[in-house]
Amino acid sequence: MPIFEYRCEECGHRFDAFFRQAEDADVERLECAKCGSGRVKKMFSVIGIGGMDKGTTSGGCSTRST
């Protein structure tokens, strides 16, 4: 289930929206939960990946001996 972050262009409130399919995020009309404005913009979100070993680079296999 895709999650997208939005920002209201009227009041600046940031919120998340959940969709069944990623394509629905482009066609469904959203309103700000804080002020009710329909002027919301999809934000660029960064995906965090956890659990990486500090000895590795870019998440690849480590070449160091243990």
PDB file of N, CA and C in Angstrom:
ATOM      1  N   MET A   1       0.852  -1.174   0.000  1.00  0.00           N
ATOM      2  CA  MET A   1       0.000   0.000   0.000  1.00  0.00           C
ATOM      3  C   MET A   1       0.899   1.240   0.000  1.00  0.00           C
ATOM      4  N   PRO A   2       0.923   1.981  -1.095  1.00  0.00           N
ATOM      5  CA  PRO A   2       1.792   3.161  -1.188  1.00  0.00           C
ATOM      6  C   PRO A   2       1.359   4.284  -0.247  1.00  0.00           C
ATOM      7  N   ILE A   3       2.340   4.945   0.322  1.00  0.00           N
ATOM      8  CA  ILE A   3       2.112   6.093   1.195  1.00  0.00           C
ATOM      9  C   ILE A   3       2.818   7.286   0.566  1.00  0.00           C
ATOM     10  N   PHE A   4       2.092   8.401   0.435  1.00  0.00           N
ATOM     11  CA  PHE A   4       2.675   9.615  -0.125  1.00  0.00           C
ATOM     12  C   PHE A   4       2.536  10.754   0.873  1.00  0.00           C
ATOM     13  N   GLU A   5       3.516  11.648   0.872  1.00  0.00           N
ATOM     14  CA  GLU A   5       3.488  12.815   1.750  1.00  0.00           C
ATOM     15  C   GLU A   5       3.039  14.024   0.936  1.00  0.00           C
ATOM     16  N   TYR A   6       2.158  14.818   1.531  1.00  0.00           N
ATOM     17  CA  TYR A   6       1.624  16.012   0.884  1.00  0.00           C
ATOM     18  C   TYR A   6       1.826  17.232   1.773  1.00  0.00           C
ATOM     19  N   ARG A   7       1.825  18.410   1.132  1.00  0.00           N
ATOM     20  CA  ARG A   7       1.888  19.675   1.868  1.00  0.00           C
ATOM     21  C   ARG A   7       0.800  20.587   1.325  1.00  0.00           C
ATOM     22  N   CYS A   8       0.057  21.209   2.227  1.00  0.00           N
ATOM     23  CA  CYS A   8      -0.984  22.154   1.850  1.00  0.00           C
ATOM     24  C   CYS A   8      -0.326  23.468   1.439  1.00  0.00           C
ATOM     25  N   GLU A   9      -0.693  23.972   0.271  1.00  0.00           N
ATOM     26  CA  GLU A   9      -0.128  25.236  -0.206  1.00  0.00           C
ATOM     27  C   GLU A   9      -0.781  26.439   0.455  1.00  0.00           C
ATOM     28  N   GLU A  10      -1.882  26.249   1.177  1.00  0.00           N
ATOM     29  CA  GLU A  10      -2.550  27.342   1.888  1.00  0.00           C
ATOM     30  C   GLU A  10      -1.969  27.545   3.290  1.00  0.00           C
ATOM     31  N   CYS A  11      -1.912  26.466   4.074  1.00  0.00           N
ATOM     32  CA  CYS A  11      -1.496  26.616   5.477  1.00  0.00           C
ATOM     33  C   CYS A  11      -0.151  25.964   5.797  1.00  0.00           C
ATOM     34  N   GLY A  12       0.419  25.189   4.852  1.00  0.00           N
ATOM     35  CA  GLY A  12       1.718  24.557   5.068  1.00  0.00           C
ATOM     36  C   GLY A  12       1.674  23.236   5.825  1.00  0.00           C
ATOM     37  N   HIS A  13       0.479  22.787   6.196  1.00  0.00           N
ATOM     38  CA  HIS A  13       0.332  21.522   6.938  1.00  0.00           C
ATOM     39  C   HIS A  13       0.826  20.350   6.092  1.00  0.00           C
ATOM     40  N   ARG A  14       1.609  19.460   6.694  1.00  0.00           N
ATOM     41  CA  ARG A  14       2.101  18.253   6.016  1.00  0.00           C
ATOM     42  C   ARG A  14       1.333  17.056   6.537  1.00  0.00           C
ATOM     43  N   PHE A  15       0.988  16.155   5.609  1.00  0.00           N
ATOM     44  CA  PHE A  15       0.242  14.959   5.995  1.00  0.00           C
ATOM     45  C   PHE A  15       0.539  13.839   5.020  1.00  0.00           C
ATOM     46  N   ASP A  16       0.248  12.607   5.453  1.00  0.00           N
ATOM     47  CA  ASP A  16       0.442  11.421   4.633  1.00  0.00           C
ATOM     48  C   ASP A  16      -0.911  10.947   4.111  1.00  0.00           C
ATOM     49  N   ALA A  17      -0.891  10.329   2.946  1.00  0.00           N
ATOM     50  CA  ALA A  17      -2.094   9.727   2.374  1.00  0.00           C
ATOM     51  C   ALA A  17      -1.743   8.327   1.899  1.00  0.00           C
ATOM     52  N   PHE A  18      -2.632   7.384   2.154  1.00  0.00           N
ATOM     53  CA  PHE A  18      -2.453   5.989   1.789  1.00  0.00           C
ATOM     54  C   PHE A  18      -3.344   5.665   0.593  1.00  0.00           C
ATOM     55  N   PHE A  19      -2.834   4.883  -0.345  1.00  0.00           N
ATOM     56  CA  PHE A  19      -3.592   4.521  -1.540  1.00  0.00           C
ATOM     57  C   PHE A  19      -3.449   3.026  -1.801  1.00  0.00           C
ATOM     58  N   ARG A  20      -4.454   2.444  -2.443  1.00  0.00           N
ATOM     59  CA  ARG A  20      -4.377   1.033  -2.819  1.00  0.00           C
ATOM     60  C   ARG A  20      -3.339   0.810  -3.899  1.00  0.00           C
ATOM     61  N   GLN A  21      -3.284   1.737  -4.859  1.00  0.00           N
ATOM     62  CA  GLN A  21      -2.329   1.652  -5.960  1.00  0.00           C
ATOM     63  C   GLN A  21      -1.657   3.007  -6.110  1.00  0.00           C
ATOM     64  N   ALA A  22      -0.413   3.011  -6.542  1.00  0.00           N
ATOM     65  CA  ALA A  22       0.331   4.261  -6.694  1.00  0.00           C
ATOM     66  C   ALA A  22      -0.353   5.201  -7.690  1.00  0.00           C
ATOM     67  N   GLU A  23      -1.006   4.650  -8.725  1.00  0.00           N
ATOM     68  CA  GLU A  23      -1.669   5.474  -9.733  1.00  0.00           C
ATOM     69  C   GLU A  23      -2.812   6.293  -9.137  1.00  0.00           C
ATOM     70  N   ASP A  24      -3.430   5.796  -8.063  1.00  0.00           N
ATOM     71  CA  ASP A  24      -4.534   6.506  -7.425  1.00  0.00           C
ATOM     72  C   ASP A  24      -4.087   7.834  -6.825  1.00  0.00           C
ATOM     73  N   ALA A  25      -2.820   7.947  -6.465  1.00  0.00           N
ATOM     74  CA  ALA A  25      -2.302   9.184  -5.877  1.00  0.00           C
ATOM     75  C   ALA A  25      -2.336  10.335  -6.873  1.00  0.00           C
ATOM     76  N   ASP A  26      -2.293  10.023  -8.165  1.00  0.00           N
ATOM     77  CA  ASP A  26      -2.294  11.066  -9.186  1.00  0.00           C
ATOM     78  C   ASP A  26      -3.693  11.509  -9.598  1.00  0.00           C
ATOM     79  N   VAL A  27      -4.707  10.703  -9.316  1.00  0.00           N
ATOM     80  CA  VAL A  27      -6.057  11.041  -9.770  1.00  0.00           C
ATOM     81  C   VAL A  27      -7.019  11.400  -8.643  1.00  0.00           C
ATOM     82  N   GLU A  28      -6.740  10.956  -7.433  1.00  0.00           N
ATOM     83  CA  GLU A  28      -7.654  11.232  -6.326  1.00  0.00           C
ATOM     84  C   GLU A  28      -7.439  12.651  -5.801  1.00  0.00           C
ATOM     85  N   ARG A  29      -8.530  13.367  -5.630  1.00  0.00           N
ATOM     86  CA  ARG A  29      -8.459  14.746  -5.126  1.00  0.00           C
ATOM     87  C   ARG A  29      -8.407  14.710  -3.601  1.00  0.00           C
ATOM     88  N   LEU A  30      -7.403  15.368  -3.041  1.00  0.00           N
ATOM     89  CA  LEU A  30      -7.225  15.409  -1.594  1.00  0.00           C
ATOM     90  C   LEU A  30      -7.495  16.807  -1.065  1.00  0.00           C
ATOM     91  N   GLU A  31      -7.878  16.854   0.200  1.00  0.00           N
ATOM     92  CA  GLU A  31      -8.053  18.123   0.898  1.00  0.00           C
ATOM     93  C   GLU A  31      -7.235  18.094   2.171  1.00  0.00           C
ATOM     94  N   CYS A  32      -6.738  19.257   2.558  1.00  0.00           N
ATOM     95  CA  CYS A  32      -5.974  19.395   3.801  1.00  0.00           C
ATOM     96  C   CYS A  32      -6.897  19.140   4.986  1.00  0.00           C
ATOM     97  N   ALA A  33      -6.465  18.278   5.900  1.00  0.00           N
ATOM     98  CA  ALA A  33      -7.261  17.961   7.085  1.00  0.00           C
ATOM     99  C   ALA A  33      -7.308  19.142   8.058  1.00  0.00           C
ATOM    100  N   LYS A  34      -6.340  20.048   7.957  1.00  0.00           N
ATOM    101  CA  LYS A  34      -6.275  21.169   8.893  1.00  0.00           C
ATOM    102  C   LYS A  34      -7.161  22.334   8.461  1.00  0.00           C
ATOM    103  N   CYS A  35      -7.068  22.733   7.165  1.00  0.00           N
ATOM    104  CA  CYS A  35      -7.811  23.924   6.730  1.00  0.00           C
ATOM    105  C   CYS A  35      -8.868  23.629   5.663  1.00  0.00           C
ATOM    106  N   GLY A  36      -8.871  22.408   5.108  1.00  0.00           N
ATOM    107  CA  GLY A  36      -9.868  22.031   4.118  1.00  0.00           C
ATOM    108  C   GLY A  36      -9.555  22.457   2.695  1.00  0.00           C
ATOM    109  N   SER A  37      -8.410  23.057   2.467  1.00  0.00           N
ATOM    110  CA  SER A  37      -8.031  23.504   1.135  1.00  0.00           C
ATOM    111  C   SER A  37      -7.777  22.316   0.208  1.00  0.00           C
ATOM    112  N   GLY A  38      -8.108  22.476  -1.052  1.00  0.00           N
ATOM    113  CA  GLY A  38      -7.816  21.461  -2.055  1.00  0.00           C
ATOM    114  C   GLY A  38      -6.488  21.699  -2.743  1.00  0.00           C
ATOM    115  N   ARG A  39      -5.773  22.736  -2.331  1.00  0.00           N
ATOM    116  CA  ARG A  39      -4.473  23.066  -2.934  1.00  0.00           C
ATOM    117  C   ARG A  39      -3.363  22.334  -2.181  1.00  0.00           C
ATOM    118  N   VAL A  40      -3.232  21.051  -2.441  1.00  0.00           N
ATOM    119  CA  VAL A  40      -2.184  20.239  -1.817  1.00  0.00           C
ATOM    120  C   VAL A  40      -1.223  19.760  -2.887  1.00  0.00           C
ATOM    121  N   LYS A  41       0.029  19.595  -2.496  1.00  0.00           N
ATOM    122  CA  LYS A  41       1.074  19.204  -3.430  1.00  0.00           C
ATOM    123  C   LYS A  41       1.800  17.978  -2.889  1.00  0.00           C
ATOM    124  N   LYS A  42       2.016  16.993  -3.773  1.00  0.00           N
ATOM    125  CA  LYS A  42       2.746  15.785  -3.378  1.00  0.00           C
ATOM    126  C   LYS A  42       4.212  16.145  -3.191  1.00  0.00           C
ATOM    127  N   MET A  43       4.783  15.717  -2.075  1.00  0.00           N
ATOM    128  CA  MET A  43       6.173  16.016  -1.741  1.00  0.00           C
ATOM    129  C   MET A  43       7.067  14.864  -2.179  1.00  0.00           C
ATOM    130  N   PHE A  44       8.332  15.164  -2.359  1.00  0.00           N
ATOM    131  CA  PHE A  44       9.347  14.152  -2.617  1.00  0.00           C
ATOM    132  C   PHE A  44       9.750  13.556  -1.278  1.00  0.00           C
ATOM    133  N   SER A  45       9.626  12.262  -1.133  1.00  0.00           N
ATOM    134  CA  SER A  45       9.969  11.600   0.125  1.00  0.00           C
ATOM    135  C   SER A  45      11.220  10.763  -0.044  1.00  0.00           C
ATOM    136  N   VAL A  46      12.034  10.740   0.998  1.00  0.00           N
ATOM    137  CA  VAL A  46      13.254   9.943   1.003  1.00  0.00           C
ATOM    138  C   VAL A  46      12.965   8.655   1.758  1.00  0.00           C
ATOM    139  N   ILE A  47      13.367   7.548   1.191  1.00  0.00           N
ATOM    140  CA  ILE A  47      13.156   6.253   1.825  1.00  0.00           C
ATOM    141  C   ILE A  47      14.392   5.910   2.648  1.00  0.00           C
ATOM    142  N   GLY A  48      14.183   5.603   3.906  1.00  0.00           N
ATOM    143  CA  GLY A  48      15.289   5.208   4.768  1.00  0.00           C
ATOM    144  C   GLY A  48      15.418   3.699   4.816  1.00  0.00           C
ATOM    145  N   ILE A  49      16.635   3.212   4.787  1.00  0.00           N
ATOM    146  CA  ILE A  49      16.882   1.777   4.869  1.00  0.00           C
ATOM    147  C   ILE A  49      17.742   1.535   6.100  1.00  0.00           C
ATOM    148  N   GLY A  50      17.266   0.729   7.000  1.00  0.00           N
ATOM    149  CA  GLY A  50      17.994   0.465   8.235  1.00  0.00           C
ATOM    150  C   GLY A  50      18.660  -0.889   8.212  1.00  0.00           C
ATOM    151  N   GLY A  51      19.450  -1.151   9.220  1.00  0.00           N
ATOM    152  CA  GLY A  51      20.060  -2.453   9.377  1.00  0.00           C
ATOM    153  C   GLY A  51      21.353  -2.644   8.606  1.00  0.00           C
ATOM    154  N   MET A  52      21.911  -1.577   8.082  1.00  0.00           N
ATOM    155  CA  MET A  52      23.166  -1.719   7.329  1.00  0.00           C
ATOM    156  C   MET A  52      24.350  -1.738   8.286  1.00  0.00           C
ATOM    157  N   ASP A  53      25.355  -2.517   7.958  1.00  0.00           N
ATOM    158  CA  ASP A  53      26.585  -2.573   8.726  1.00  0.00           C
ATOM    159  C   ASP A  53      27.406  -1.334   8.409  1.00  0.00           C
ATOM    160  N   LYS A  54      27.967  -0.700   9.401  1.00  0.00           N
ATOM    161  CA  LYS A  54      28.755   0.507   9.184  1.00  0.00           C
ATOM    162  C   LYS A  54      30.009   0.263   8.360  1.00  0.00           C
ATOM    163  N   GLY A  55      30.439  -0.990   8.246  1.00  0.00           N
ATOM    164  CA  GLY A  55      31.640  -1.313   7.494  1.00  0.00           C
ATOM    165  C   GLY A  55      31.393  -1.480   6.006  1.00  0.00           C
ATOM    166  N   THR A  56      30.139  -1.465   5.584  1.00  0.00           N
ATOM    167  CA  THR A  56      29.843  -1.654   4.167  1.00  0.00           C
ATOM    168  C   THR A  56      29.562  -0.314   3.508  1.00  0.00           C
ATOM    169  N   THR A  57      29.689  -0.295   2.196  1.00  0.00           N
ATOM    170  CA  THR A  57      29.375   0.913   1.444  1.00  0.00           C
ATOM    171  C   THR A  57      28.193   0.632   0.539  1.00  0.00           C
ATOM    172  N   SER A  58      27.284   1.542   0.457  1.00  0.00           N
ATOM    173  CA  SER A  58      26.089   1.496  -0.390  1.00  0.00           C
ATOM    174  C   SER A  58      25.288   0.211  -0.255  1.00  0.00           C
ATOM    175  N   GLY A  59      25.340  -0.431   0.899  1.00  0.00           N
ATOM    176  CA  GLY A  59      24.501  -1.594   1.154  1.00  0.00           C
ATOM    177  C   GLY A  59      24.977  -2.880   0.483  1.00  0.00           C
ATOM    178  N   GLY A  60      26.135  -2.869  -0.144  1.00  0.00           N
ATOM    179  CA  GLY A  60      26.633  -4.059  -0.825  1.00  0.00           C
ATOM    180  C   GLY A  60      27.289  -5.002   0.145  1.00  0.00           C
ATOM    181  N   CYS A  61      27.867  -6.054  -0.375  1.00  0.00           N
ATOM    182  CA  CYS A  61      28.563  -7.038   0.462  1.00  0.00           C
ATOM    183  C   CYS A  61      29.896  -6.460   0.940  1.00  0.00           C
ATOM    184  N   SER A  62      30.217  -6.761   2.144  1.00  0.00           N
ATOM    185  CA  SER A  62      31.475  -6.272   2.712  1.00  0.00           C
ATOM    186  C   SER A  62      32.625  -7.148   2.251  1.00  0.00           C
ATOM    187  N   THR A  63      33.762  -6.531   1.958  1.00  0.00           N
ATOM    188  CA  THR A  63      34.934  -7.288   1.542  1.00  0.00           C
ATOM    189  C   THR A  63      35.949  -7.407   2.667  1.00  0.00           C
ATOM    190  N   ARG A  64      35.650  -6.830   3.797  1.00  0.00           N
ATOM    191  CA  ARG A  64      36.599  -6.916   4.893  1.00  0.00           C
ATOM    192  C   ARG A  64      36.493  -8.270   5.595  1.00  0.00           C
ATOM    193  N   SER A  65      37.579  -8.751   6.126  1.00  0.00           N
ATOM    194  CA  SER A  65      37.550 -10.033   6.829  1.00  0.00           C
ATOM    195  C   SER A  65      37.165  -9.795   8.272  1.00  0.00           C
ATOM    196  N   THR A  66      36.484 -10.771   8.851  1.00  0.00           N
ATOM    197  CA  THR A  66      36.033 -10.630  10.235  1.00  0.00           C
ATOM    198  C   THR A  66      36.800 -11.526  11.155  1.00  0.00           C
TER     199      THR A  66
END
